[in-house]
Amino acid sequence: MLPLCITSCKKEKTSVSSSIIGTWELRTGYGGWSGITNYPPGNGRYLKFSESTFEIDTNRMIVNSGTYRLVRDKFYLTGEMGYRIIYNHEDNSVRTFVNVSHDSLSLSMDAYDGSGALYIRVE
């Protein structure tokens, strides 16, 4: 039973990790106080993921980079399970959840007035 559980967890983690890998361009940003901002294609705001590293690229300047990991966790607000993204081993940072669906990636803060973003895969 234990090997089956370990194999199942590994497969789940691999499929989520592999779906996030690529280059994503920001298309919509939203926040509790700031409202919704739409961005046109080619706006120069990219989020790039490899198997374990990320880069935030704004107009060809790396503004943040490092490592990330995805963990199954529960949203405080809804009680639903999702994948929390943890950047640079900062387990106590703002709780941000990621969802990948087809060629869209969404990031959502787990807070009543939290912000979020929608990205479209470009590579």
PDB file of N, CA and C in Angstrom:
ATOM      1  N   MET A   1       0.812  -1.195   0.000  1.00  0.00           N
ATOM      2  CA  MET A   1       0.000   0.000   0.000  1.00  0.00           C
ATOM      3  C   MET A   1       0.859   1.264   0.000  1.00  0.00           C
ATOM      4  N   LEU A   2       1.921   1.289   0.787  1.00  0.00           N
ATOM      5  CA  LEU A   2       2.792   2.463   0.857  1.00  0.00           C
ATOM      6  C   LEU A   2       3.412   2.804  -0.495  1.00  0.00           C
ATOM      7  N   PRO A   3       3.976   1.820  -1.242  1.00  0.00           N
ATOM      8  CA  PRO A   3       4.530   2.171  -2.561  1.00  0.00           C
ATOM      9  C   PRO A   3       3.473   2.759  -3.500  1.00  0.00           C
ATOM     10  N   LEU A   4       2.229   2.273  -3.416  1.00  0.00           N
ATOM     11  CA  LEU A   4       1.164   2.809  -4.255  1.00  0.00           C
ATOM     12  C   LEU A   4       0.893   4.269  -3.912  1.00  0.00           C
ATOM     13  N   CYS A   5       0.857   4.574  -2.628  1.00  0.00           N
ATOM     14  CA  CYS A   5       0.622   5.956  -2.191  1.00  0.00           C
ATOM     15  C   CYS A   5       1.748   6.873  -2.644  1.00  0.00           C
ATOM     16  N   ILE A   6       2.982   6.436  -2.486  1.00  0.00           N
ATOM     17  CA  ILE A   6       4.124   7.241  -2.907  1.00  0.00           C
ATOM     18  C   ILE A   6       4.103   7.458  -4.410  1.00  0.00           C
ATOM     19  N   THR A   7       3.786   6.417  -5.163  1.00  0.00           N
ATOM     20  CA  THR A   7       3.708   6.538  -6.609  1.00  0.00           C
ATOM     21  C   THR A   7       2.593   7.485  -7.019  1.00  0.00           C
ATOM     22  N   SER A   8       1.436   7.393  -6.362  1.00  0.00           N
ATOM     23  CA  SER A   8       0.323   8.275  -6.688  1.00  0.00           C
ATOM     24  C   SER A   8       0.676   9.725  -6.430  1.00  0.00           C
ATOM     25  N   CYS A   9       1.273  10.009  -5.297  1.00  0.00           N
ATOM     26  CA  CYS A   9       1.643  11.386  -4.977  1.00  0.00           C
ATOM     27  C   CYS A   9       2.660  11.912  -5.975  1.00  0.00           C
ATOM     28  N   LYS A  10       3.611  11.078  -6.330  1.00  0.00           N
ATOM     29  CA  LYS A  10       4.640  11.508  -7.261  1.00  0.00           C
ATOM     30  C   LYS A  10       4.035  11.841  -8.618  1.00  0.00           C
ATOM     31  N   LYS A  11       3.118  10.995  -9.098  1.00  0.00           N
ATOM     32  CA  LYS A  11       2.495  11.256 -10.388  1.00  0.00           C
ATOM     33  C   LYS A  11       1.717  12.565 -10.360  1.00  0.00           C
ATOM     34  N   GLU A  12       0.978  12.802  -9.272  1.00  0.00           N
ATOM     35  CA  GLU A  12       0.184  14.020  -9.177  1.00  0.00           C
ATOM     36  C   GLU A  12       1.086  15.247  -9.185  1.00  0.00           C
ATOM     37  N   LYS A  13       2.159  15.214  -8.420  1.00  0.00           N
ATOM     38  CA  LYS A  13       3.077  16.350  -8.353  1.00  0.00           C
ATOM     39  C   LYS A  13       3.729  16.586  -9.716  1.00  0.00           C
ATOM     40  N   THR A  14       4.123  15.511 -10.384  1.00  0.00           N
ATOM     41  CA  THR A  14       4.767  15.645 -11.684  1.00  0.00           C
ATOM     42  C   THR A  14       3.821  16.274 -12.700  1.00  0.00           C
ATOM     43  N   SER A  15       2.550  15.847 -12.730  1.00  0.00           N
ATOM     44  CA  SER A  15       1.631  16.393 -13.727  1.00  0.00           C
ATOM     45  C   SER A  15       1.370  17.877 -13.483  1.00  0.00           C
ATOM     46  N   VAL A  16       1.240  18.290 -12.218  1.00  0.00           N
ATOM     47  CA  VAL A  16       1.033  19.707 -11.928  1.00  0.00           C
ATOM     48  C   VAL A  16       2.290  20.484 -12.286  1.00  0.00           C
ATOM     49  N   SER A  17       3.445  19.973 -11.888  1.00  0.00           N
ATOM     50  CA  SER A  17       4.699  20.662 -12.187  1.00  0.00           C
ATOM     51  C   SER A  17       4.909  20.783 -13.685  1.00  0.00           C
ATOM     52  N   SER A  18       4.601  19.740 -14.422  1.00  0.00           N
ATOM     53  CA  SER A  18       4.842  19.805 -15.861  1.00  0.00           C
ATOM     54  C   SER A  18       3.866  20.753 -16.555  1.00  0.00           C
ATOM     55  N   SER A  19       2.665  20.925 -16.029  1.00  0.00           N
ATOM     56  CA  SER A  19       1.708  21.827 -16.684  1.00  0.00           C
ATOM     57  C   SER A  19       2.051  23.296 -16.479  1.00  0.00           C
ATOM     58  N   ILE A  20       2.810  23.607 -15.444  1.00  0.00           N
ATOM     59  CA  ILE A  20       3.179  24.998 -15.172  1.00  0.00           C
ATOM     60  C   ILE A  20       4.430  25.425 -15.949  1.00  0.00           C
ATOM     61  N   ILE A  21       5.215  24.455 -16.400  1.00  0.00           N
ATOM     62  CA  ILE A  21       6.478  24.748 -17.084  1.00  0.00           C
ATOM     63  C   ILE A  21       6.208  25.473 -18.407  1.00  0.00           C
ATOM     64  N   GLY A  22       6.918  26.572 -18.601  1.00  0.00           N
ATOM     65  CA  GLY A  22       6.767  27.344 -19.827  1.00  0.00           C
ATOM     66  C   GLY A  22       6.856  28.830 -19.542  1.00  0.00           C
ATOM     67  N   THR A  23       6.523  29.608 -20.563  1.00  0.00           N
ATOM     68  CA  THR A  23       6.526  31.061 -20.449  1.00  0.00           C
ATOM     69  C   THR A  23       5.087  31.538 -20.555  1.00  0.00           C
ATOM     70  N   TRP A  24       4.706  32.391 -19.622  1.00  0.00           N
ATOM     71  CA  TRP A  24       3.345  32.893 -19.512  1.00  0.00           C
ATOM     72  C   TRP A  24       3.365  34.424 -19.573  1.00  0.00           C
ATOM     73  N   GLU A  25       2.416  34.991 -20.311  1.00  0.00           N
ATOM     74  CA  GLU A  25       2.326  36.448 -20.411  1.00  0.00           C
ATOM     75  C   GLU A  25       1.091  36.936 -19.657  1.00  0.00           C
ATOM     76  N   LEU A  26       1.263  37.991 -18.869  1.00  0.00           N
ATOM     77  CA  LEU A  26       0.169  38.566 -18.095  1.00  0.00           C
ATOM     78  C   LEU A  26      -0.896  39.149 -19.019  1.00  0.00           C
ATOM     79  N   ARG A  27      -2.157  38.816 -18.748  1.00  0.00           N
ATOM     80  CA  ARG A  27      -3.262  39.370 -19.525  1.00  0.00           C
ATOM     81  C   ARG A  27      -4.265  40.126 -18.655  1.00  0.00           C
ATOM     82  N   THR A  28      -4.429  39.693 -17.399  1.00  0.00           N
ATOM     83  CA  THR A  28      -5.369  40.369 -16.511  1.00  0.00           C
ATOM     84  C   THR A  28      -4.813  40.377 -15.093  1.00  0.00           C
ATOM     85  N   GLY A  29      -4.868  41.521 -14.462  1.00  0.00           N
ATOM     86  CA  GLY A  29      -4.523  41.635 -13.055  1.00  0.00           C
ATOM     87  C   GLY A  29      -5.742  42.138 -12.302  1.00  0.00           C
ATOM     88  N   TYR A  30      -5.989  41.590 -11.132  1.00  0.00           N
ATOM     89  CA  TYR A  30      -7.125  42.062 -10.354  1.00  0.00           C
ATOM     90  C   TYR A  30      -6.756  42.123  -8.881  1.00  0.00           C
ATOM     91  N   GLY A  31      -7.397  43.036  -8.196  1.00  0.00           N
ATOM     92  CA  GLY A  31      -7.107  43.209  -6.784  1.00  0.00           C
ATOM     93  C   GLY A  31      -8.340  43.631  -6.024  1.00  0.00           C
ATOM     94  N   GLY A  32      -8.293  43.452  -4.714  1.00  0.00           N
ATOM     95  CA  GLY A  32      -9.413  43.801  -3.862  1.00  0.00           C
ATOM     96  C   GLY A  32      -9.737  45.279  -3.910  1.00  0.00           C
ATOM     97  N   TRP A  33      -8.728  46.118  -4.016  1.00  0.00           N
ATOM     98  CA  TRP A  33      -8.936  47.566  -4.014  1.00  0.00           C
ATOM     99  C   TRP A  33      -8.718  48.189  -5.385  1.00  0.00           C
ATOM    100  N   SER A  34      -7.893  47.561  -6.192  1.00  0.00           N
ATOM    101  CA  SER A  34      -7.509  48.211  -7.451  1.00  0.00           C
ATOM    102  C   SER A  34      -8.393  47.857  -8.636  1.00  0.00           C
ATOM    103  N   GLY A  35      -9.255  46.889  -8.505  1.00  0.00           N
ATOM    104  CA  GLY A  35     -10.113  46.509  -9.615  1.00  0.00           C
ATOM    105  C   GLY A  35      -9.397  45.625 -10.620  1.00  0.00           C
ATOM    106  N   ILE A  36      -9.859  45.657 -11.861  1.00  0.00           N
ATOM    107  CA  ILE A  36      -9.338  44.785 -12.914  1.00  0.00           C
ATOM    108  C   ILE A  36      -8.563  45.621 -13.931  1.00  0.00           C
ATOM    109  N   THR A  37      -7.387  45.110 -14.305  1.00  0.00           N
ATOM    110  CA  THR A  37      -6.584  45.737 -15.349  1.00  0.00           C
ATOM    111  C   THR A  37      -6.315  44.692 -16.423  1.00  0.00           C
ATOM    112  N   ASN A  38      -6.672  44.997 -17.654  1.00  0.00           N
ATOM    113  CA  ASN A  38      -6.409  44.104 -18.779  1.00  0.00           C
ATOM    114  C   ASN A  38      -5.157  44.566 -19.511  1.00  0.00           C
ATOM    115  N   TYR A  39      -4.370  43.600 -19.967  1.00  0.00           N
ATOM    116  CA  TYR A  39      -3.112  43.882 -20.666  1.00  0.00           C
ATOM    117  C   TYR A  39      -3.176  43.274 -22.062  1.00  0.00           C
ATOM    118  N   PRO A  40      -2.720  44.003 -23.071  1.00  0.00           N
ATOM    119  CA  PRO A  40      -2.755  43.481 -24.437  1.00  0.00           C
ATOM    120  C   PRO A  40      -1.640  42.463 -24.672  1.00  0.00           C
ATOM    121  N   PRO A  41      -1.784  41.621 -25.694  1.00  0.00           N
ATOM    122  CA  PRO A  41      -0.694  40.719 -26.062  1.00  0.00           C
ATOM    123  C   PRO A  41       0.561  41.525 -26.373  1.00  0.00           C
ATOM    124  N   GLY A  42       1.722  40.984 -25.992  1.00  0.00           N
ATOM    125  CA  GLY A  42       2.990  41.654 -26.236  1.00  0.00           C
ATOM    126  C   GLY A  42       3.296  42.752 -25.235  1.00  0.00           C
ATOM    127  N   ASN A  43       2.698  42.700 -24.048  1.00  0.00           N
ATOM    128  CA  ASN A  43       2.861  43.762 -23.063  1.00  0.00           C
ATOM    129  C   ASN A  43       4.173  43.704 -22.286  1.00  0.00           C
ATOM    130  N   GLY A  44       4.979  42.648 -22.454  1.00  0.00           N
ATOM    131  CA  GLY A  44       6.292  42.584 -21.830  1.00  0.00           C
ATOM    132  C   GLY A  44       6.323  42.097 -20.393  1.00  0.00           C
ATOM    133  N   ARG A  45       5.228  41.552 -19.882  1.00  0.00           N
ATOM    134  CA  ARG A  45       5.179  41.039 -18.505  1.00  0.00           C
ATOM    135  C   ARG A  45       5.064  39.518 -18.557  1.00  0.00           C
ATOM    136  N   TYR A  46       6.166  38.830 -18.216  1.00  0.00           N
ATOM    137  CA  TYR A  46       6.227  37.379 -18.345  1.00  0.00           C
ATOM    138  C   TYR A  46       6.562  36.703 -17.021  1.00  0.00           C
ATOM    139  N   LEU A  47       6.040  35.516 -16.882  1.00  0.00           N
ATOM    140  CA  LEU A  47       6.348  34.636 -15.768  1.00  0.00           C
ATOM    141  C   LEU A  47       6.841  33.343 -16.396  1.00  0.00           C
ATOM    142  N   LYS A  48       8.065  32.925 -16.048  1.00  0.00           N
ATOM    143  CA  LYS A  48       8.679  31.755 -16.670  1.00  0.00           C
ATOM    144  C   LYS A  48       8.958  30.705 -15.603  1.00  0.00           C
ATOM    145  N   PHE A  49       8.535  29.469 -15.873  1.00  0.00           N
ATOM    146  CA  PHE A  49       8.759  28.355 -14.961  1.00  0.00           C
ATOM    147  C   PHE A  49       9.530  27.241 -15.648  1.00  0.00           C
ATOM    148  N   SER A  50      10.523  26.701 -14.962  1.00  0.00           N
ATOM    149  CA  SER A  50      11.160  25.450 -15.368  1.00  0.00           C
ATOM    150  C   SER A  50      10.681  24.410 -14.349  1.00  0.00           C
ATOM    151  N   GLU A  51      11.369  23.300 -14.233  1.00  0.00           N
ATOM    152  CA  GLU A  51      10.944  22.266 -13.285  1.00  0.00           C
ATOM    153  C   GLU A  51      10.981  22.743 -11.844  1.00  0.00           C
ATOM    154  N   SER A  52      11.916  23.603 -11.498  1.00  0.00           N
ATOM    155  CA  SER A  52      12.010  24.041 -10.098  1.00  0.00           C
ATOM    156  C   SER A  52      12.386  25.511  -9.934  1.00  0.00           C
ATOM    157  N   THR A  53      12.533  26.236 -11.034  1.00  0.00           N
ATOM    158  CA  THR A  53      12.904  27.651 -10.921  1.00  0.00           C
ATOM    159  C   THR A  53      11.875  28.532 -11.639  1.00  0.00           C
ATOM    160  N   PHE A  54      11.899  29.815 -11.278  1.00  0.00           N
ATOM    161  CA  PHE A  54      10.998  30.780 -11.909  1.00  0.00           C
ATOM    162  C   PHE A  54      11.751  32.075 -12.180  1.00  0.00           C
ATOM    163  N   GLU A  55      11.209  32.852 -13.106  1.00  0.00           N
ATOM    164  CA  GLU A  55      11.689  34.204 -13.388  1.00  0.00           C
ATOM    165  C   GLU A  55      10.483  35.088 -13.657  1.00  0.00           C
ATOM    166  N   ILE A  56      10.522  36.287 -13.118  1.00  0.00           N
ATOM    167  CA  ILE A  56       9.533  37.298 -13.455  1.00  0.00           C
ATOM    168  C   ILE A  56      10.269  38.327 -14.307  1.00  0.00           C
ATOM    169  N   ASP A  57       9.824  38.443 -15.542  1.00  0.00           N
ATOM    170  CA  ASP A  57      10.490  39.273 -16.555  1.00  0.00           C
ATOM    171  C   ASP A  57       9.541  40.398 -16.946  1.00  0.00           C
ATOM    172  N   THR A  58       9.967  41.628 -16.711  1.00  0.00           N
ATOM    173  CA  THR A  58       9.178  42.788 -17.092  1.00  0.00           C
ATOM    174  C   THR A  58      10.001  43.626 -18.056  1.00  0.00           C
ATOM    175  N   ASN A  59       9.520  43.691 -19.279  1.00  0.00           N
ATOM    176  CA  ASN A  59      10.203  44.441 -20.334  1.00  0.00           C
ATOM    177  C   ASN A  59      11.679  44.061 -20.450  1.00  0.00           C
ATOM    178  N   ARG A  60      11.926  42.759 -20.486  1.00  0.00           N
ATOM    179  CA  ARG A  60      13.260  42.171 -20.678  1.00  0.00           C
ATOM    180  C   ARG A  60      14.211  42.414 -19.507  1.00  0.00           C
ATOM    181  N   MET A  61      13.665  42.707 -18.339  1.00  0.00           N
ATOM    182  CA  MET A  61      14.470  42.817 -17.118  1.00  0.00           C
ATOM    183  C   MET A  61      13.939  41.789 -16.118  1.00  0.00           C
ATOM    184  N   ILE A  62      14.841  40.955 -15.587  1.00  0.00           N
ATOM    185  CA  ILE A  62      14.444  39.986 -14.577  1.00  0.00           C
ATOM    186  C   ILE A  62      14.257  40.753 -13.266  1.00  0.00           C
ATOM    187  N   VAL A  63      13.010  40.818 -12.780  1.00  0.00           N
ATOM    188  CA  VAL A  63      12.737  41.561 -11.548  1.00  0.00           C
ATOM    189  C   VAL A  63      12.676  40.656 -10.323  1.00  0.00           C
ATOM    190  N   ASN A  64      12.550  39.351 -10.540  1.00  0.00           N
ATOM    191  CA  ASN A  64      12.589  38.380  -9.451  1.00  0.00           C
ATOM    192  C   ASN A  64      12.864  37.014 -10.057  1.00  0.00           C
ATOM    193  N   SER A  65      13.566  36.180  -9.305  1.00  0.00           N
ATOM    194  CA  SER A  65      13.852  34.821  -9.766  1.00  0.00           C
ATOM    195  C   SER A  65      14.223  33.967  -8.565  1.00  0.00           C
ATOM    196  N   GLY A  66      14.256  32.671  -8.788  1.00  0.00           N
ATOM    197  CA  GLY A  66      14.625  31.755  -7.718  1.00  0.00           C
ATOM    198  C   GLY A  66      13.979  30.403  -7.922  1.00  0.00           C
ATOM    199  N   THR A  67      13.661  29.758  -6.812  1.00  0.00           N
ATOM    200  CA  THR A  67      13.050  28.437  -6.866  1.00  0.00           C
ATOM    201  C   THR A  67      11.591  28.530  -6.433  1.00  0.00           C
ATOM    202  N   TYR A  68      10.842  27.506  -6.790  1.00  0.00           N
ATOM    203  CA  TYR A  68       9.450  27.407  -6.355  1.00  0.00           C
ATOM    204  C   TYR A  68       9.130  25.939  -6.124  1.00  0.00           C
ATOM    205  N   ARG A  69       8.040  25.723  -5.395  1.00  0.00           N
ATOM    206  CA  ARG A  69       7.492  24.374  -5.275  1.00  0.00           C
ATOM    207  C   ARG A  69       5.989  24.492  -5.128  1.00  0.00           C
ATOM    208  N   LEU A  70       5.295  23.448  -5.529  1.00  0.00           N
ATOM    209  CA  LEU A  70       3.845  23.390  -5.437  1.00  0.00           C
ATOM    210  C   LEU A  70       3.461  22.379  -4.375  1.00  0.00           C
ATOM    211  N   VAL A  71       2.542  22.749  -3.498  1.00  0.00           N
ATOM    212  CA  VAL A  71       2.069  21.843  -2.448  1.00  0.00           C
ATOM    213  C   VAL A  71       0.544  21.872  -2.423  1.00  0.00           C
ATOM    214  N   ARG A  72      -0.045  20.708  -2.152  1.00  0.00           N
ATOM    215  CA  ARG A  72      -1.498  20.644  -1.972  1.00  0.00           C
ATOM    216  C   ARG A  72      -1.815  21.320  -0.653  1.00  0.00           C
ATOM    217  N   ASP A  73      -2.788  22.216  -0.668  1.00  0.00           N
ATOM    218  CA  ASP A  73      -3.153  22.940   0.539  1.00  0.00           C
ATOM    219  C   ASP A  73      -4.612  23.355   0.424  1.00  0.00           C
ATOM    220  N   LYS A  74      -5.167  23.791   1.531  1.00  0.00           N
ATOM    221  CA  LYS A  74      -6.564  24.210   1.574  1.00  0.00           C
ATOM    222  C   LYS A  74      -6.650  25.735   1.612  1.00  0.00           C
ATOM    223  N   PHE A  75      -7.520  26.271   0.755  1.00  0.00           N
ATOM    224  CA  PHE A  75      -7.808  27.697   0.800  1.00  0.00           C
ATOM    225  C   PHE A  75      -8.471  28.016   2.130  1.00  0.00           C
ATOM    226  N   TYR A  76      -7.995  29.030   2.824  1.00  0.00           N
ATOM    227  CA  TYR A  76      -8.640  29.469   4.060  1.00  0.00           C
ATOM    228  C   TYR A  76     -10.041  30.007   3.768  1.00  0.00           C
ATOM    229  N   LEU A  77     -10.183  30.736   2.663  1.00  0.00           N
ATOM    230  CA  LEU A  77     -11.448  31.396   2.350  1.00  0.00           C
ATOM    231  C   LEU A  77     -12.568  30.445   1.967  1.00  0.00           C
ATOM    232  N   THR A  78     -12.261  29.456   1.167  1.00  0.00           N
ATOM    233  CA  THR A  78     -13.306  28.583   0.632  1.00  0.00           C
ATOM    234  C   THR A  78     -13.292  27.178   1.218  1.00  0.00           C
ATOM    235  N   GLY A  79     -12.188  26.771   1.805  1.00  0.00           N
ATOM    236  CA  GLY A  79     -12.070  25.408   2.306  1.00  0.00           C
ATOM    237  C   GLY A  79     -11.756  24.396   1.214  1.00  0.00           C
ATOM    238  N   GLU A  80     -11.648  24.846  -0.032  1.00  0.00           N
ATOM    239  CA  GLU A  80     -11.342  23.946  -1.147  1.00  0.00           C
ATOM    240  C   GLU A  80      -9.855  23.639  -1.190  1.00  0.00           C
ATOM    241  N   MET A  81      -9.509  22.489  -1.733  1.00  0.00           N
ATOM    242  CA  MET A  81      -8.111  22.114  -1.912  1.00  0.00           C
ATOM    243  C   MET A  81      -7.601  22.684  -3.230  1.00  0.00           C
ATOM    244  N   GLY A  82      -6.331  23.035  -3.248  1.00  0.00           N
ATOM    245  CA  GLY A  82      -5.708  23.555  -4.447  1.00  0.00           C
ATOM    246  C   GLY A  82      -4.207  23.400  -4.352  1.00  0.00           C
ATOM    247  N   TYR A  83      -3.498  23.999  -5.289  1.00  0.00           N
ATOM    248  CA  TYR A  83      -2.037  23.948  -5.302  1.00  0.00           C
ATOM    249  C   TYR A  83      -1.485  25.315  -4.923  1.00  0.00           C
ATOM    250  N   ARG A  84      -0.821  25.344  -3.809  1.00  0.00           N
ATOM    251  CA  ARG A  84      -0.191  26.569  -3.328  1.00  0.00           C
ATOM    252  C   ARG A  84       1.219  26.635  -3.906  1.00  0.00           C
ATOM    253  N   ILE A  85       1.606  27.800  -4.372  1.00  0.00           N
ATOM    254  CA  ILE A  85       2.957  27.974  -4.892  1.00  0.00           C
ATOM    255  C   ILE A  85       3.786  28.695  -3.835  1.00  0.00           C
ATOM    256  N   ILE A  86       4.940  28.144  -3.550  1.00  0.00           N
ATOM    257  CA  ILE A  86       5.833  28.723  -2.547  1.00  0.00           C
ATOM    258  C   ILE A  86       7.131  29.077  -3.250  1.00  0.00           C
ATOM    259  N   TYR A  87       7.441  30.369  -3.243  1.00  0.00           N
ATOM    260  CA  TYR A  87       8.637  30.871  -3.901  1.00  0.00           C
ATOM    261  C   TYR A  87       9.796  30.936  -2.906  1.00  0.00           C
ATOM    262  N   ASN A  88      10.976  30.532  -3.349  1.00  0.00           N
ATOM    263  CA  ASN A  88      12.227  30.702  -2.597  1.00  0.00           C
ATOM    264  C   ASN A  88      12.155  30.221  -1.145  1.00  0.00           C
ATOM    265  N   HIS A  89      11.486  29.108  -0.922  1.00  0.00           N
ATOM    266  CA  HIS A  89      11.387  28.473   0.406  1.00  0.00           C
ATOM    267  C   HIS A  89      10.726  29.371   1.441  1.00  0.00           C
ATOM    268  N   GLU A  90       9.930  30.346   1.027  1.00  0.00           N
ATOM    269  CA  GLU A  90       9.275  31.272   1.944  1.00  0.00           C
ATOM    270  C   GLU A  90       7.901  30.727   2.328  1.00  0.00           C
ATOM    271  N   ASP A  91       7.904  29.691   3.185  1.00  0.00           N
ATOM    272  CA  ASP A  91       6.673  29.014   3.583  1.00  0.00           C
ATOM    273  C   ASP A  91       5.680  29.936   4.289  1.00  0.00           C
ATOM    274  N   ASN A  92       6.154  30.966   4.936  1.00  0.00           N
ATOM    275  CA  ASN A  92       5.277  31.860   5.691  1.00  0.00           C
ATOM    276  C   ASN A  92       4.895  33.121   4.922  1.00  0.00           C
ATOM    277  N   SER A  93       5.141  33.125   3.638  1.00  0.00           N
ATOM    278  CA  SER A  93       4.785  34.298   2.825  1.00  0.00           C
ATOM    279  C   SER A  93       3.284  34.279   2.529  1.00  0.00           C
ATOM    280  N   VAL A  94       2.816  35.280   1.810  1.00  0.00           N
ATOM    281  CA  VAL A  94       1.407  35.361   1.430  1.00  0.00           C
ATOM    282  C   VAL A  94       1.016  34.075   0.719  1.00  0.00           C
ATOM    283  N   ARG A  95      -0.102  33.513   1.119  1.00  0.00           N
ATOM    284  CA  ARG A  95      -0.572  32.253   0.528  1.00  0.00           C
ATOM    285  C   ARG A  95      -1.132  32.534  -0.870  1.00  0.00           C
ATOM    286  N   THR A  96      -0.446  32.010  -1.881  1.00  0.00           N
ATOM    287  CA  THR A  96      -0.854  32.189  -3.270  1.00  0.00           C
ATOM    288  C   THR A  96      -1.101  30.827  -3.884  1.00  0.00           C
ATOM    289  N   PHE A  97      -2.228  30.686  -4.558  1.00  0.00           N
ATOM    290  CA  PHE A  97      -2.588  29.432  -5.192  1.00  0.00           C
ATOM    291  C   PHE A  97      -2.525  29.583  -6.699  1.00  0.00           C
ATOM    292  N   VAL A  98      -2.147  28.489  -7.352  1.00  0.00           N
ATOM    293  CA  VAL A  98      -1.990  28.485  -8.796  1.00  0.00           C
ATOM    294  C   VAL A  98      -2.934  27.454  -9.392  1.00  0.00           C
ATOM    295  N   ASN A  99      -3.473  27.782 -10.558  1.00  0.00           N
ATOM    296  CA  ASN A  99      -4.310  26.849 -11.292  1.00  0.00           C
ATOM    297  C   ASN A  99      -3.942  26.948 -12.767  1.00  0.00           C
ATOM    298  N   VAL A 100      -3.696  25.806 -13.382  1.00  0.00           N
ATOM    299  CA  VAL A 100      -3.392  25.763 -14.810  1.00  0.00           C
ATOM    300  C   VAL A 100      -4.523  25.020 -15.504  1.00  0.00           C
ATOM    301  N   SER A 101      -5.100  25.671 -16.495  1.00  0.00           N
ATOM    302  CA  SER A 101      -6.175  25.071 -17.272  1.00  0.00           C
ATOM    303  C   SER A 101      -5.922  25.386 -18.737  1.00  0.00           C
ATOM    304  N   HIS A 102      -5.639  24.348 -19.498  1.00  0.00           N
ATOM    305  CA  HIS A 102      -5.288  24.500 -20.910  1.00  0.00           C
ATOM    306  C   HIS A 102      -4.116  25.466 -21.049  1.00  0.00           C
ATOM    307  N   ASP A 103      -4.305  26.595 -21.712  1.00  0.00           N
ATOM    308  CA  ASP A 103      -3.224  27.562 -21.914  1.00  0.00           C
ATOM    309  C   ASP A 103      -3.351  28.788 -21.011  1.00  0.00           C
ATOM    310  N   SER A 104      -4.052  28.634 -19.886  1.00  0.00           N
ATOM    311  CA  SER A 104      -4.220  29.726 -18.934  1.00  0.00           C
ATOM    312  C   SER A 104      -3.652  29.332 -17.577  1.00  0.00           C
ATOM    313  N   LEU A 105      -3.015  30.281 -16.922  1.00  0.00           N
ATOM    314  CA  LEU A 105      -2.483  30.093 -15.580  1.00  0.00           C
ATOM    315  C   LEU A 105      -3.030  31.224 -14.724  1.00  0.00           C
ATOM    316  N   SER A 106      -3.655  30.870 -13.605  1.00  0.00           N
ATOM    317  CA  SER A 106      -4.153  31.912 -12.712  1.00  0.00           C
ATOM    318  C   SER A 106      -3.455  31.810 -11.365  1.00  0.00           C
ATOM    319  N   LEU A 107      -3.175  32.952 -10.784  1.00  0.00           N
ATOM    320  CA  LEU A 107      -2.602  33.064  -9.450  1.00  0.00           C
ATOM    321  C   LEU A 107      -3.611  33.814  -8.591  1.00  0.00           C
ATOM    322  N   SER A 108      -3.888  33.293  -7.401  1.00  0.00           N
ATOM    323  CA  SER A 108      -4.860  33.921  -6.511  1.00  0.00           C
ATOM    324  C   SER A 108      -4.333  33.939  -5.094  1.00  0.00           C
ATOM    325  N   MET A 109      -4.350  35.122  -4.480  1.00  0.00           N
ATOM    326  CA  MET A 109      -3.989  35.231  -3.075  1.00  0.00           C
ATOM    327  C   MET A 109      -5.171  34.741  -2.238  1.00  0.00           C
ATOM    328  N   ASP A 110      -4.866  34.066  -1.150  1.00  0.00           N
ATOM    329  CA  ASP A 110      -5.889  33.524  -0.264  1.00  0.00           C
ATOM    330  C   ASP A 110      -6.222  34.570   0.806  1.00  0.00           C
ATOM    331  N   ALA A 111      -6.897  35.657   0.371  1.00  0.00           N
ATOM    332  CA  ALA A 111      -7.260  36.749   1.271  1.00  0.00           C
ATOM    333  C   ALA A 111      -8.508  37.439   0.725  1.00  0.00           C
ATOM    334  N   TYR A 112      -9.319  37.995   1.606  1.00  0.00           N
ATOM    335  CA  TYR A 112     -10.562  38.650   1.178  1.00  0.00           C
ATOM    336  C   TYR A 112     -10.301  39.785   0.195  1.00  0.00           C
ATOM    337  N   ASP A 113      -9.283  40.568   0.427  1.00  0.00           N
ATOM    338  CA  ASP A 113      -8.975  41.676  -0.475  1.00  0.00           C
ATOM    339  C   ASP A 113      -7.737  41.371  -1.306  1.00  0.00           C
ATOM    340  N   GLY A 114      -7.464  40.082  -1.491  1.00  0.00           N
ATOM    341  CA  GLY A 114      -6.259  39.646  -2.186  1.00  0.00           C
ATOM    342  C   GLY A 114      -6.308  39.908  -3.674  1.00  0.00           C
ATOM    343  N   SER A 115      -5.141  39.949  -4.246  1.00  0.00           N
ATOM    344  CA  SER A 115      -5.024  40.181  -5.680  1.00  0.00           C
ATOM    345  C   SER A 115      -4.819  38.856  -6.401  1.00  0.00           C
ATOM    346  N   GLY A 116      -4.812  38.937  -7.704  1.00  0.00           N
ATOM    347  CA  GLY A 116      -4.591  37.763  -8.521  1.00  0.00           C
ATOM    348  C   GLY A 116      -4.230  38.175  -9.932  1.00  0.00           C
ATOM    349  N   ALA A 117      -3.960  37.187 -10.753  1.00  0.00           N
ATOM    350  CA  ALA A 117      -3.567  37.473 -12.132  1.00  0.00           C
ATOM    351  C   ALA A 117      -3.908  36.296 -13.032  1.00  0.00           C
ATOM    352  N   LEU A 118      -4.136  36.606 -14.273  1.00  0.00           N
ATOM    353  CA  LEU A 118      -4.354  35.593 -15.296  1.00  0.00           C
ATOM    354  C   LEU A 118      -3.267  35.744 -16.343  1.00  0.00           C
ATOM    355  N   TYR A 119      -2.593  34.643 -16.653  1.00  0.00           N
ATOM    356  CA  TYR A 119      -1.534  34.599 -17.651  1.00  0.00           C
ATOM    357  C   TYR A 119      -1.947  33.648 -18.763  1.00  0.00           C
ATOM    358  N   ILE A 120      -1.456  33.907 -19.954  1.00  0.00           N
ATOM    359  CA  ILE A 120      -1.683  33.047 -21.123  1.00  0.00           C
ATOM    360  C   ILE A 120      -0.329  32.481 -21.544  1.00  0.00           C
ATOM    361  N   ARG A 121      -0.301  31.174 -21.857  1.00  0.00           N
ATOM    362  CA  ARG A 121       0.943  30.530 -22.287  1.00  0.00           C
ATOM    363  C   ARG A 121       1.376  31.090 -23.630  1.00  0.00           C
ATOM    364  N   VAL A 122       2.662  31.490 -23.709  1.00  0.00           N
ATOM    365  CA  VAL A 122       3.202  31.960 -24.973  1.00  0.00           C
ATOM    366  C   VAL A 122       4.322  31.050 -25.468  1.00  0.00           C
ATOM    367  N   GLU A 123       4.878  30.210 -24.606  1.00  0.00           N
ATOM    368  CA  GLU A 123       5.888  29.218 -25.008  1.00  0.00           C
ATOM    369  C   GLU A 123       5.739  27.993 -24.161  1.00  0.00           C
TER     370      GLU A 123
END
